[in-house]
Amino acid sequence: MMRLDRAAPGGFPPLQRVEVERLACCEPAGIGLHMTHWSTRSLALAARRQGIASTLSHSTVALILRDAELQPHRSRYWKTPVPDETFRAQAAKVLWCYEHVSALAEQGEVVLCVDEKPNIQALERRRLTRPMQPGLIERQEFEYVRHGTVNLLVKLVVHTGLMRGWCLEHNDSATLRAVLPQLLGEHRDARRIHLIWDNGSSHIAQETGDFLRHHYPHVRVIFTPAHASWLDQAELLLRAFEARYLLRGSWKSRAELSAHLAASWPEYNRLYAHPFTWSWTRAKMHRWVDRHRS
């Protein structure tokens, strides 16, 4: 059996390198293990037990993975939209609004994107955060106390990039309907409102649809396609807002978190609000659907 040695002349033996890379690309279950993913240490152990090398350190495995651009310790979620005609039709409605948002605003019409961030935890660190000092980064206590959750509803005015936020007691149709007069009332002079949101249960509820048709007949409701809520620009807004106003926060109660959120969205408008640059057009979407369907 060959020995895999970092200091070996000429580098790693090519055959052993390929075998380590191939093992890294296999699931642990493939060799009878129950772990869900690899680490450099578990890969080194498995490679030795598989007879790939009699001695193999995790640091050597790390070098092999780095050179092969393999990262078994990382993973990313994604949602897979179904590229069918239903997706094409629904996505086209959303993208049409984004492509014509400035022209619509000039004609007295407004495009709104709405989304929720449910169950934001009001976490209080058990000890005060130690601030940054020369040579030391900020240090935050790991232990925390839970004080419940808050649901945040946000509205994005697409052509200006301005937002508005509401803290909701519940994420259901009744609570949403109670907020809609405020959400839409700011645009009472608009000739038409194009309202974009995802297929959340409070959005698709029959009561919500009936309420909008009865009280706001000039509102055109547009749903994003299934598994494609990323077409809602309010998701971009929530990510930008969370990075600036929620990350590393500590709150002593739900009321304190709600007060923080209520004070934060006006500040976001003053400091950061701008229309998002959106480059995915209907033409690009149609090419994407055609390519995936073929």
C-alpha atoms as a PDB file:
ATOM      1  CA  MET A   1       0.000   0.000   0.000  1.00  0.00           C
ATOM      2  CA  MET A   2       1.345   3.421  -0.925  1.00  0.00           C
ATOM      3  CA  ARG A   3       1.797   6.057   1.737  1.00  0.00           C
ATOM      4  CA  LEU A   4       0.284   9.480   1.087  1.00  0.00           C
ATOM      5  CA  ASP A   5       2.877  11.972   2.281  1.00  0.00           C
ATOM      6  CA  ARG A   6       2.578  15.751   1.983  1.00  0.00           C
ATOM      7  CA  ALA A   7       6.340  16.051   1.686  1.00  0.00           C
ATOM      8  CA  ALA A   8       6.682  13.359  -0.974  1.00  0.00           C
ATOM      9  CA  PRO A   9       8.677  14.523  -4.015  1.00  0.00           C
ATOM     10  CA  GLY A  10       6.427  15.489  -6.868  1.00  0.00           C
ATOM     11  CA  GLY A  11       3.387  16.040  -4.624  1.00  0.00           C
ATOM     12  CA  PHE A  12       0.592  13.591  -3.857  1.00  0.00           C
ATOM     13  CA  PRO A  13       0.372  10.294  -5.717  1.00  0.00           C
ATOM     14  CA  PRO A  14      -2.247  11.011  -8.417  1.00  0.00           C
ATOM     15  CA  LEU A  15      -4.151   7.752  -7.951  1.00  0.00           C
ATOM     16  CA  GLN A  16      -4.579   8.295  -4.204  1.00  0.00           C
ATOM     17  CA  ARG A  17      -5.560  11.914  -4.751  1.00  0.00           C
ATOM     18  CA  VAL A  18      -8.311  10.860  -7.160  1.00  0.00           C
ATOM     19  CA  GLU A  19      -9.547   8.176  -4.778  1.00  0.00           C
ATOM     20  CA  VAL A  20      -9.805  10.704  -1.914  1.00  0.00           C
ATOM     21  CA  GLU A  21     -11.685  13.124  -4.194  1.00  0.00           C
ATOM     22  CA  ARG A  22     -14.043  10.357  -5.317  1.00  0.00           C
ATOM     23  CA  LEU A  23     -14.704   9.345  -1.709  1.00  0.00           C
ATOM     24  CA  ALA A  24     -15.478  12.974  -0.815  1.00  0.00           C
ATOM     25  CA  CYS A  25     -18.066  13.106  -3.607  1.00  0.00           C
ATOM     26  CA  CYS A  26     -19.850   9.997  -2.313  1.00  0.00           C
ATOM     27  CA  GLU A  27     -22.333  10.037   0.545  1.00  0.00           C
ATOM     28  CA  PRO A  28     -21.103   8.359   3.753  1.00  0.00           C
ATOM     29  CA  ALA A  29     -24.021   5.931   3.451  1.00  0.00           C
ATOM     30  CA  GLY A  30     -22.336   4.574   0.352  1.00  0.00           C
ATOM     31  CA  ILE A  31     -19.709   2.874   2.515  1.00  0.00           C
ATOM     32  CA  GLY A  32     -22.100   1.871   5.292  1.00  0.00           C
ATOM     33  CA  LEU A  33     -21.818   4.929   7.561  1.00  0.00           C
ATOM     34  CA  HIS A  34     -24.746   6.759   9.115  1.00  0.00           C
ATOM     35  CA  MET A  35     -23.241  10.266   9.289  1.00  0.00           C
ATOM     36  CA  THR A  36     -24.963  12.782   7.028  1.00  0.00           C
ATOM     37  CA  HIS A  37     -21.916  14.562   5.568  1.00  0.00           C
ATOM     38  CA  TRP A  38     -18.122  14.541   5.530  1.00  0.00           C
ATOM     39  CA  SER A  39     -15.576  16.530   7.479  1.00  0.00           C
ATOM     40  CA  THR A  40     -11.839  16.437   6.747  1.00  0.00           C
ATOM     41  CA  ARG A  41     -11.309  14.270   9.832  1.00  0.00           C
ATOM     42  CA  SER A  42     -14.043  11.774   8.968  1.00  0.00           C
ATOM     43  CA  LEU A  43     -12.804  11.635   5.365  1.00  0.00           C
ATOM     44  CA  ALA A  44      -9.256  10.914   6.504  1.00  0.00           C
ATOM     45  CA  LEU A  45     -10.506   8.149   8.802  1.00  0.00           C
ATOM     46  CA  ALA A  46     -12.699   6.641   6.083  1.00  0.00           C
ATOM     47  CA  ALA A  47      -9.880   6.794   3.527  1.00  0.00           C
ATOM     48  CA  ARG A  48      -7.569   4.906   5.870  1.00  0.00           C
ATOM     49  CA  ARG A  49     -10.218   2.263   6.583  1.00  0.00           C
ATOM     50  CA  GLN A  50     -10.946   1.918   2.863  1.00  0.00           C
ATOM     51  CA  GLY A  51      -7.261   1.198   2.239  1.00  0.00           C
ATOM     52  CA  ILE A  52      -6.657   4.331   0.154  1.00  0.00           C
ATOM     53  CA  ALA A  53      -3.617   5.214   2.290  1.00  0.00           C
ATOM     54  CA  SER A  54      -2.067   3.655   5.363  1.00  0.00           C
ATOM     55  CA  THR A  55      -1.465   7.078   6.915  1.00  0.00           C
ATOM     56  CA  LEU A  56      -3.500  10.116   5.973  1.00  0.00           C
ATOM     57  CA  SER A  57      -4.022  13.230   8.098  1.00  0.00           C
ATOM     58  CA  HIS A  58      -7.025  15.530   7.985  1.00  0.00           C
ATOM     59  CA  SER A  59      -4.751  18.425   7.007  1.00  0.00           C
ATOM     60  CA  THR A  60      -3.619  16.461   3.949  1.00  0.00           C
ATOM     61  CA  VAL A  61      -7.254  15.792   3.060  1.00  0.00           C
ATOM     62  CA  ALA A  62      -7.928  19.524   3.406  1.00  0.00           C
ATOM     63  CA  LEU A  63      -5.158  20.274   0.888  1.00  0.00           C
ATOM     64  CA  ILE A  64      -6.520  17.707  -1.569  1.00  0.00           C
ATOM     65  CA  LEU A  65     -10.047  19.126  -1.271  1.00  0.00           C
ATOM     66  CA  ARG A  66      -8.789  22.680  -1.651  1.00  0.00           C
ATOM     67  CA  ASP A  67      -6.888  21.847  -4.838  1.00  0.00           C
ATOM     68  CA  ALA A  68      -9.961  20.036  -6.223  1.00  0.00           C
ATOM     69  CA  GLU A  69     -12.288  22.895  -5.175  1.00  0.00           C
ATOM     70  CA  LEU A  70     -14.429  20.488  -3.157  1.00  0.00           C
ATOM     71  CA  GLN A  71     -16.209  21.713   0.004  1.00  0.00           C
ATOM     72  CA  PRO A  72     -18.083  18.817   1.648  1.00  0.00           C
ATOM     73  CA  HIS A  73     -18.533  20.855   4.841  1.00  0.00           C
ATOM     74  CA  ARG A  74     -20.740  23.392   3.045  1.00  0.00           C
ATOM     75  CA  SER A  75     -24.298  23.160   1.761  1.00  0.00           C
ATOM     76  CA  ARG A  76     -26.867  25.514   0.320  1.00  0.00           C
ATOM     77  CA  TYR A  77     -30.659  25.380   0.098  1.00  0.00           C
ATOM     78  CA  TRP A  78     -32.570  26.089  -3.064  1.00  0.00           C
ATOM     79  CA  LYS A  79     -36.163  26.013  -4.233  1.00  0.00           C
ATOM     80  CA  THR A  80     -36.883  24.387  -7.555  1.00  0.00           C
ATOM     81  CA  PRO A  81     -39.606  26.127  -9.565  1.00  0.00           C
ATOM     82  CA  VAL A  82     -41.365  23.944 -12.103  1.00  0.00           C
ATOM     83  CA  PRO A  83     -40.579  25.477 -15.525  1.00  0.00           C
ATOM     84  CA  ASP A  84     -44.001  24.864 -17.040  1.00  0.00           C
ATOM     85  CA  GLU A  85     -46.508  27.144 -18.730  1.00  0.00           C
ATOM     86  CA  THR A  86     -48.065  28.088 -15.401  1.00  0.00           C
ATOM     87  CA  PHE A  87     -44.685  29.296 -14.147  1.00  0.00           C
ATOM     88  CA  ARG A  88     -44.112  31.175 -17.400  1.00  0.00           C
ATOM     89  CA  ALA A  89     -47.442  32.994 -17.202  1.00  0.00           C
ATOM     90  CA  GLN A  90     -47.191  33.931 -13.517  1.00  0.00           C
ATOM     91  CA  ALA A  91     -43.556  34.999 -13.698  1.00  0.00           C
ATOM     92  CA  ALA A  92     -44.288  37.118 -16.781  1.00  0.00           C
ATOM     93  CA  LYS A  93     -46.878  39.137 -14.843  1.00  0.00           C
ATOM     94  CA  VAL A  94     -44.390  39.896 -12.054  1.00  0.00           C
ATOM     95  CA  LEU A  95     -41.534  40.722 -14.432  1.00  0.00           C
ATOM     96  CA  TRP A  96     -43.792  42.948 -16.561  1.00  0.00           C
ATOM     97  CA  CYS A  97     -44.418  45.086 -13.497  1.00  0.00           C
ATOM     98  CA  TYR A  98     -40.693  45.423 -12.785  1.00  0.00           C
ATOM     99  CA  GLU A  99     -39.903  46.284 -16.402  1.00  0.00           C
ATOM    100  CA  HIS A 100     -42.571  49.014 -16.524  1.00  0.00           C
ATOM    101  CA  VAL A 101     -42.452  50.267 -12.939  1.00  0.00           C
ATOM    102  CA  SER A 102     -41.230  53.779 -13.830  1.00  0.00           C
ATOM    103  CA  ALA A 103     -43.746  54.203 -16.645  1.00  0.00           C
ATOM    104  CA  LEU A 104     -46.533  52.977 -14.399  1.00  0.00           C
ATOM    105  CA  ALA A 105     -45.547  55.479 -11.703  1.00  0.00           C
ATOM    106  CA  GLU A 106     -45.732  58.297 -14.241  1.00  0.00           C
ATOM    107  CA  GLN A 107     -49.270  57.184 -15.101  1.00  0.00           C
ATOM    108  CA  GLY A 108     -50.335  57.218 -11.450  1.00  0.00           C
ATOM    109  CA  GLU A 109     -50.023  53.464 -10.892  1.00  0.00           C
ATOM    110  CA  VAL A 110     -47.861  51.886  -8.199  1.00  0.00           C
ATOM    111  CA  VAL A 111     -46.177  48.498  -7.845  1.00  0.00           C
ATOM    112  CA  LEU A 112     -46.003  47.119  -4.290  1.00  0.00           C
ATOM    113  CA  CYS A 113     -44.201  44.020  -3.036  1.00  0.00           C
ATOM    114  CA  VAL A 114     -45.291  42.518   0.284  1.00  0.00           C
ATOM    115  CA  ASP A 115     -43.704  39.777   2.350  1.00  0.00           C
ATOM    116  CA  GLU A 116     -43.511  38.544   5.956  1.00  0.00           C
ATOM    117  CA  LYS A 117     -40.659  37.520   8.182  1.00  0.00           C
ATOM    118  CA  PRO A 118     -42.469  35.352  10.736  1.00  0.00           C
ATOM    119  CA  ASN A 119     -41.289  34.266  14.163  1.00  0.00           C
ATOM    120  CA  ILE A 120     -38.397  36.673  14.702  1.00  0.00           C
ATOM    121  CA  GLN A 121     -37.047  35.585  18.072  1.00  0.00           C
ATOM    122  CA  ALA A 122     -36.669  38.179  20.807  1.00  0.00           C
ATOM    123  CA  LEU A 123     -33.393  36.880  22.236  1.00  0.00           C
ATOM    124  CA  GLU A 124     -31.617  38.488  25.174  1.00  0.00           C
ATOM    125  CA  ARG A 125     -27.959  37.685  25.778  1.00  0.00           C
ATOM    126  CA  ARG A 126     -27.335  36.618  29.378  1.00  0.00           C
ATOM    127  CA  ARG A 127     -24.366  38.976  29.671  1.00  0.00           C
ATOM    128  CA  LEU A 128     -23.544  42.289  28.083  1.00  0.00           C
ATOM    129  CA  THR A 129     -21.774  42.176  24.739  1.00  0.00           C
ATOM    130  CA  ARG A 130     -18.111  43.090  25.005  1.00  0.00           C
ATOM    131  CA  PRO A 131     -17.388  45.809  22.451  1.00  0.00           C
ATOM    132  CA  MET A 132     -14.626  45.740  19.890  1.00  0.00           C
ATOM    133  CA  GLN A 133     -11.164  46.871  21.009  1.00  0.00           C
ATOM    134  CA  PRO A 134      -7.861  47.240  19.173  1.00  0.00           C
ATOM    135  CA  GLY A 135      -6.778  43.695  18.401  1.00  0.00           C
ATOM    136  CA  LEU A 136     -10.074  42.157  19.615  1.00  0.00           C
ATOM    137  CA  ILE A 137     -13.331  41.663  17.740  1.00  0.00           C
ATOM    138  CA  GLU A 138     -16.699  42.150  19.411  1.00  0.00           C
ATOM    139  CA  ARG A 139     -17.546  39.232  21.709  1.00  0.00           C
ATOM    140  CA  GLN A 140     -21.114  38.163  22.333  1.00  0.00           C
ATOM    141  CA  GLU A 141     -22.364  35.832  25.046  1.00  0.00           C
ATOM    142  CA  PHE A 142     -23.449  32.489  23.622  1.00  0.00           C
ATOM    143  CA  GLU A 143     -26.198  31.869  26.203  1.00  0.00           C
ATOM    144  CA  TYR A 144     -29.482  33.697  25.717  1.00  0.00           C
ATOM    145  CA  VAL A 145     -33.006  33.988  27.096  1.00  0.00           C
ATOM    146  CA  ARG A 146     -36.031  33.602  24.820  1.00  0.00           C
ATOM    147  CA  HIS A 147     -38.786  36.191  25.128  1.00  0.00           C
ATOM    148  CA  GLY A 148     -41.135  34.966  22.413  1.00  0.00           C
ATOM    149  CA  THR A 149     -41.410  35.889  18.745  1.00  0.00           C
ATOM    150  CA  VAL A 150     -42.583  38.769  16.572  1.00  0.00           C
ATOM    151  CA  ASN A 151     -43.985  38.607  13.029  1.00  0.00           C
ATOM    152  CA  LEU A 152     -42.817  41.382  10.711  1.00  0.00           C
ATOM    153  CA  LEU A 153     -44.805  42.389   7.633  1.00  0.00           C
ATOM    154  CA  VAL A 154     -43.043  44.653   5.132  1.00  0.00           C
ATOM    155  CA  LYS A 155     -44.158  46.585   2.089  1.00  0.00           C
ATOM    156  CA  LEU A 156     -41.775  47.754  -0.633  1.00  0.00           C
ATOM    157  CA  VAL A 157     -42.726  50.541  -3.036  1.00  0.00           C
ATOM    158  CA  VAL A 158     -40.787  49.253  -6.016  1.00  0.00           C
ATOM    159  CA  HIS A 159     -40.164  52.477  -7.959  1.00  0.00           C
ATOM    160  CA  THR A 160     -38.795  54.333  -4.889  1.00  0.00           C
ATOM    161  CA  GLY A 161     -37.323  51.521  -2.782  1.00  0.00           C
ATOM    162  CA  LEU A 162     -39.107  52.880   0.308  1.00  0.00           C
ATOM    163  CA  MET A 163     -40.433  50.415   2.873  1.00  0.00           C
ATOM    164  CA  ARG A 164     -43.049  50.269   5.614  1.00  0.00           C
ATOM    165  CA  GLY A 165     -43.193  47.698   8.385  1.00  0.00           C
ATOM    166  CA  TRP A 166     -45.810  46.321  10.767  1.00  0.00           C
ATOM    167  CA  CYS A 167     -45.406  43.978  13.732  1.00  0.00           C
ATOM    168  CA  LEU A 168     -48.192  41.391  13.656  1.00  0.00           C
ATOM    169  CA  GLU A 169     -49.523  39.378  16.552  1.00  0.00           C
ATOM    170  CA  HIS A 170     -50.419  36.500  14.230  1.00  0.00           C
ATOM    171  CA  ASN A 171     -49.487  35.583  10.680  1.00  0.00           C
ATOM    172  CA  ASP A 172     -53.010  34.823   9.448  1.00  0.00           C
ATOM    173  CA  SER A 173     -55.638  36.259   7.129  1.00  0.00           C
ATOM    174  CA  ALA A 174     -57.589  38.109   9.835  1.00  0.00           C
ATOM    175  CA  THR A 175     -54.476  39.944  11.042  1.00  0.00           C
ATOM    176  CA  LEU A 176     -53.430  40.735   7.471  1.00  0.00           C
ATOM    177  CA  ARG A 177     -56.856  42.121   6.598  1.00  0.00           C
ATOM    178  CA  ALA A 178     -56.659  44.431   9.613  1.00  0.00           C
ATOM    179  CA  VAL A 179     -53.392  45.895   8.275  1.00  0.00           C
ATOM    180  CA  LEU A 180     -54.362  46.159   4.600  1.00  0.00           C
ATOM    181  CA  PRO A 181     -56.208  49.510   4.996  1.00  0.00           C
ATOM    182  CA  GLN A 182     -52.958  51.062   6.257  1.00  0.00           C
ATOM    183  CA  LEU A 183     -50.822  49.239   3.720  1.00  0.00           C
ATOM    184  CA  LEU A 184     -52.948  50.337   0.777  1.00  0.00           C
ATOM    185  CA  GLY A 185     -54.285  53.593   2.232  1.00  0.00           C
ATOM    186  CA  GLU A 186     -50.995  55.390   1.616  1.00  0.00           C
ATOM    187  CA  HIS A 187     -51.703  54.943  -2.107  1.00  0.00           C
ATOM    188  CA  ARG A 188     -55.356  55.975  -2.114  1.00  0.00           C
ATOM    189  CA  ASP A 189     -54.693  58.407  -4.985  1.00  0.00           C
ATOM    190  CA  ALA A 190     -53.188  55.737  -7.232  1.00  0.00           C
ATOM    191  CA  ARG A 191     -55.182  54.865 -10.334  1.00  0.00           C
ATOM    192  CA  ARG A 192     -54.160  51.244  -9.901  1.00  0.00           C
ATOM    193  CA  ILE A 193     -52.127  49.206  -7.443  1.00  0.00           C
ATOM    194  CA  HIS A 194     -50.167  46.149  -8.603  1.00  0.00           C
ATOM    195  CA  LEU A 195     -49.737  44.037  -5.454  1.00  0.00           C
ATOM    196  CA  ILE A 196     -47.077  41.306  -5.678  1.00  0.00           C
ATOM    197  CA  TRP A 197     -46.770  38.662  -2.984  1.00  0.00           C
ATOM    198  CA  ASP A 198     -46.128  34.934  -2.606  1.00  0.00           C
ATOM    199  CA  ASN A 199     -48.538  32.073  -1.991  1.00  0.00           C
ATOM    200  CA  GLY A 200     -48.509  32.350   1.795  1.00  0.00           C
ATOM    201  CA  SER A 201     -51.610  31.049   3.534  1.00  0.00           C
ATOM    202  CA  SER A 202     -52.776  34.524   4.584  1.00  0.00           C
ATOM    203  CA  HIS A 203     -52.387  35.788   0.989  1.00  0.00           C
ATOM    204  CA  ILE A 204     -54.290  33.021  -0.777  1.00  0.00           C
ATOM    205  CA  ALA A 205     -57.046  32.799   1.847  1.00  0.00           C
ATOM    206  CA  GLN A 206     -60.543  33.244   0.421  1.00  0.00           C
ATOM    207  CA  GLU A 207     -61.290  35.913   3.038  1.00  0.00           C
ATOM    208  CA  THR A 208     -58.286  37.987   1.914  1.00  0.00           C
ATOM    209  CA  GLY A 209     -59.312  37.801  -1.745  1.00  0.00           C
ATOM    210  CA  ASP A 210     -62.926  38.719  -0.968  1.00  0.00           C
ATOM    211  CA  PHE A 211     -61.790  41.649   1.196  1.00  0.00           C
ATOM    212  CA  LEU A 212     -59.601  43.079  -1.579  1.00  0.00           C
ATOM    213  CA  ARG A 213     -62.240  42.645  -4.289  1.00  0.00           C
ATOM    214  CA  HIS A 214     -64.912  44.309  -2.167  1.00  0.00           C
ATOM    215  CA  HIS A 215     -62.947  47.214  -0.682  1.00  0.00           C
ATOM    216  CA  TYR A 216     -60.107  47.721  -3.169  1.00  0.00           C
ATOM    217  CA  PRO A 217     -61.293  46.847  -6.676  1.00  0.00           C
ATOM    218  CA  HIS A 218     -58.426  48.863  -8.196  1.00  0.00           C
ATOM    219  CA  VAL A 219     -55.857  46.475  -6.662  1.00  0.00           C
ATOM    220  CA  ARG A 220     -54.430  43.907  -9.087  1.00  0.00           C
ATOM    221  CA  VAL A 221     -53.125  40.979  -7.024  1.00  0.00           C
ATOM    222  CA  ILE A 222     -50.205  39.077  -8.590  1.00  0.00           C
ATOM    223  CA  PHE A 223     -48.933  35.872  -7.013  1.00  0.00           C
ATOM    224  CA  THR A 224     -45.393  34.666  -7.554  1.00  0.00           C
ATOM    225  CA  PRO A 225     -45.148  31.144  -9.029  1.00  0.00           C
ATOM    226  CA  ALA A 226     -44.875  28.169  -6.695  1.00  0.00           C
ATOM    227  CA  HIS A 227     -41.365  27.783  -5.248  1.00  0.00           C
ATOM    228  CA  ALA A 228     -40.361  31.120  -6.783  1.00  0.00           C
ATOM    229  CA  SER A 229     -41.023  33.599  -3.995  1.00  0.00           C
ATOM    230  CA  TRP A 230     -37.576  35.046  -4.806  1.00  0.00           C
ATOM    231  CA  LEU A 231     -39.357  36.913  -7.613  1.00  0.00           C
ATOM    232  CA  ASP A 232     -40.859  39.084  -4.858  1.00  0.00           C
ATOM    233  CA  GLN A 233     -38.472  42.011  -4.342  1.00  0.00           C
ATOM    234  CA  ALA A 234     -39.667  42.283  -0.755  1.00  0.00           C
ATOM    235  CA  GLU A 235     -37.475  39.230  -0.053  1.00  0.00           C
ATOM    236  CA  LEU A 236     -34.435  41.310  -1.085  1.00  0.00           C
ATOM    237  CA  LEU A 237     -35.643  44.063   1.214  1.00  0.00           C
ATOM    238  CA  LEU A 238     -35.995  41.681   4.162  1.00  0.00           C
ATOM    239  CA  ARG A 239     -32.460  40.356   3.675  1.00  0.00           C
ATOM    240  CA  ALA A 240     -31.026  43.871   3.539  1.00  0.00           C
ATOM    241  CA  PHE A 241     -33.076  44.944   6.559  1.00  0.00           C
ATOM    242  CA  GLU A 242     -32.140  41.885   8.618  1.00  0.00           C
ATOM    243  CA  ALA A 243     -28.421  42.355   7.971  1.00  0.00           C
ATOM    244  CA  ARG A 244     -28.514  45.919   9.309  1.00  0.00           C
ATOM    245  CA  TYR A 245     -31.177  45.846  12.021  1.00  0.00           C
ATOM    246  CA  LEU A 246     -31.593  42.296  13.359  1.00  0.00           C
ATOM    247  CA  LEU A 247     -28.226  40.578  13.177  1.00  0.00           C
ATOM    248  CA  ARG A 248     -26.392  40.554  16.554  1.00  0.00           C
ATOM    249  CA  GLY A 249     -29.307  42.235  18.336  1.00  0.00           C
ATOM    250  CA  SER A 250     -30.364  41.595  21.939  1.00  0.00           C
ATOM    251  CA  TRP A 251     -33.810  42.425  23.324  1.00  0.00           C
ATOM    252  CA  LYS A 252     -35.267  42.048  26.798  1.00  0.00           C
ATOM    253  CA  SER A 253     -38.865  41.481  25.647  1.00  0.00           C
ATOM    254  CA  ARG A 254     -41.152  41.170  22.651  1.00  0.00           C
ATOM    255  CA  ALA A 255     -42.233  44.761  23.237  1.00  0.00           C
ATOM    256  CA  GLU A 256     -38.622  45.936  23.040  1.00  0.00           C
ATOM    257  CA  LEU A 257     -38.077  44.067  19.780  1.00  0.00           C
ATOM    258  CA  SER A 258     -41.312  45.480  18.342  1.00  0.00           C
ATOM    259  CA  ALA A 259     -40.270  49.013  19.326  1.00  0.00           C
ATOM    260  CA  HIS A 260     -36.886  48.443  17.700  1.00  0.00           C
ATOM    261  CA  LEU A 261     -38.510  47.295  14.460  1.00  0.00           C
ATOM    262  CA  ALA A 262     -40.921  50.247  14.466  1.00  0.00           C
ATOM    263  CA  ALA A 263     -37.994  52.678  14.808  1.00  0.00           C
ATOM    264  CA  SER A 264     -35.762  50.863  12.318  1.00  0.00           C
ATOM    265  CA  TRP A 265     -37.754  50.924   9.100  1.00  0.00           C
ATOM    266  CA  PRO A 266     -37.971  54.780   8.993  1.00  0.00           C
ATOM    267  CA  GLU A 267     -34.199  54.875   9.528  1.00  0.00           C
ATOM    268  CA  TYR A 268     -33.716  52.367   6.708  1.00  0.00           C
ATOM    269  CA  ASN A 269     -35.689  54.690   4.441  1.00  0.00           C
ATOM    270  CA  ARG A 270     -33.526  57.675   5.375  1.00  0.00           C
ATOM    271  CA  LEU A 271     -30.179  55.927   5.024  1.00  0.00           C
ATOM    272  CA  TYR A 272     -30.474  53.055   2.575  1.00  0.00           C
ATOM    273  CA  ALA A 273     -33.691  53.021   0.569  1.00  0.00           C
ATOM    274  CA  HIS A 274     -33.274  52.890  -3.196  1.00  0.00           C
ATOM    275  CA  PRO A 275     -34.921  50.958  -6.033  1.00  0.00           C
ATOM    276  CA  PHE A 276     -33.417  47.512  -6.427  1.00  0.00           C
ATOM    277  CA  THR A 277     -31.561  46.795  -9.653  1.00  0.00           C
ATOM    278  CA  TRP A 278     -33.508  43.966 -11.248  1.00  0.00           C
ATOM    279  CA  SER A 279     -31.972  42.379 -14.338  1.00  0.00           C
ATOM    280  CA  TRP A 280     -34.099  39.241 -14.851  1.00  0.00           C
ATOM    281  CA  THR A 281     -36.440  40.248 -17.678  1.00  0.00           C
ATOM    282  CA  ARG A 282     -39.284  38.367 -19.324  1.00  0.00           C
ATOM    283  CA  ALA A 283     -37.035  37.567 -22.274  1.00  0.00           C
ATOM    284  CA  LYS A 284     -34.428  35.997 -19.999  1.00  0.00           C
ATOM    285  CA  MET A 285     -37.139  34.106 -18.133  1.00  0.00           C
ATOM    286  CA  HIS A 286     -38.590  32.656 -21.347  1.00  0.00           C
ATOM    287  CA  ARG A 287     -35.118  31.523 -22.477  1.00  0.00           C
ATOM    288  CA  TRP A 288     -34.554  29.931 -19.055  1.00  0.00           C
ATOM    289  CA  VAL A 289     -37.886  28.057 -19.199  1.00  0.00           C
ATOM    290  CA  ASP A 290     -37.272  26.883 -22.771  1.00  0.00           C
ATOM    291  CA  ARG A 291     -33.784  25.647 -21.865  1.00  0.00           C
ATOM    292  CA  HIS A 292     -34.953  23.695 -18.797  1.00  0.00           C
ATOM    293  CA  ARG A 293     -37.994  22.216 -20.535  1.00  0.00           C
ATOM    294  CA  SER A 294     -35.837  20.962 -23.395  1.00  0.00           C
END
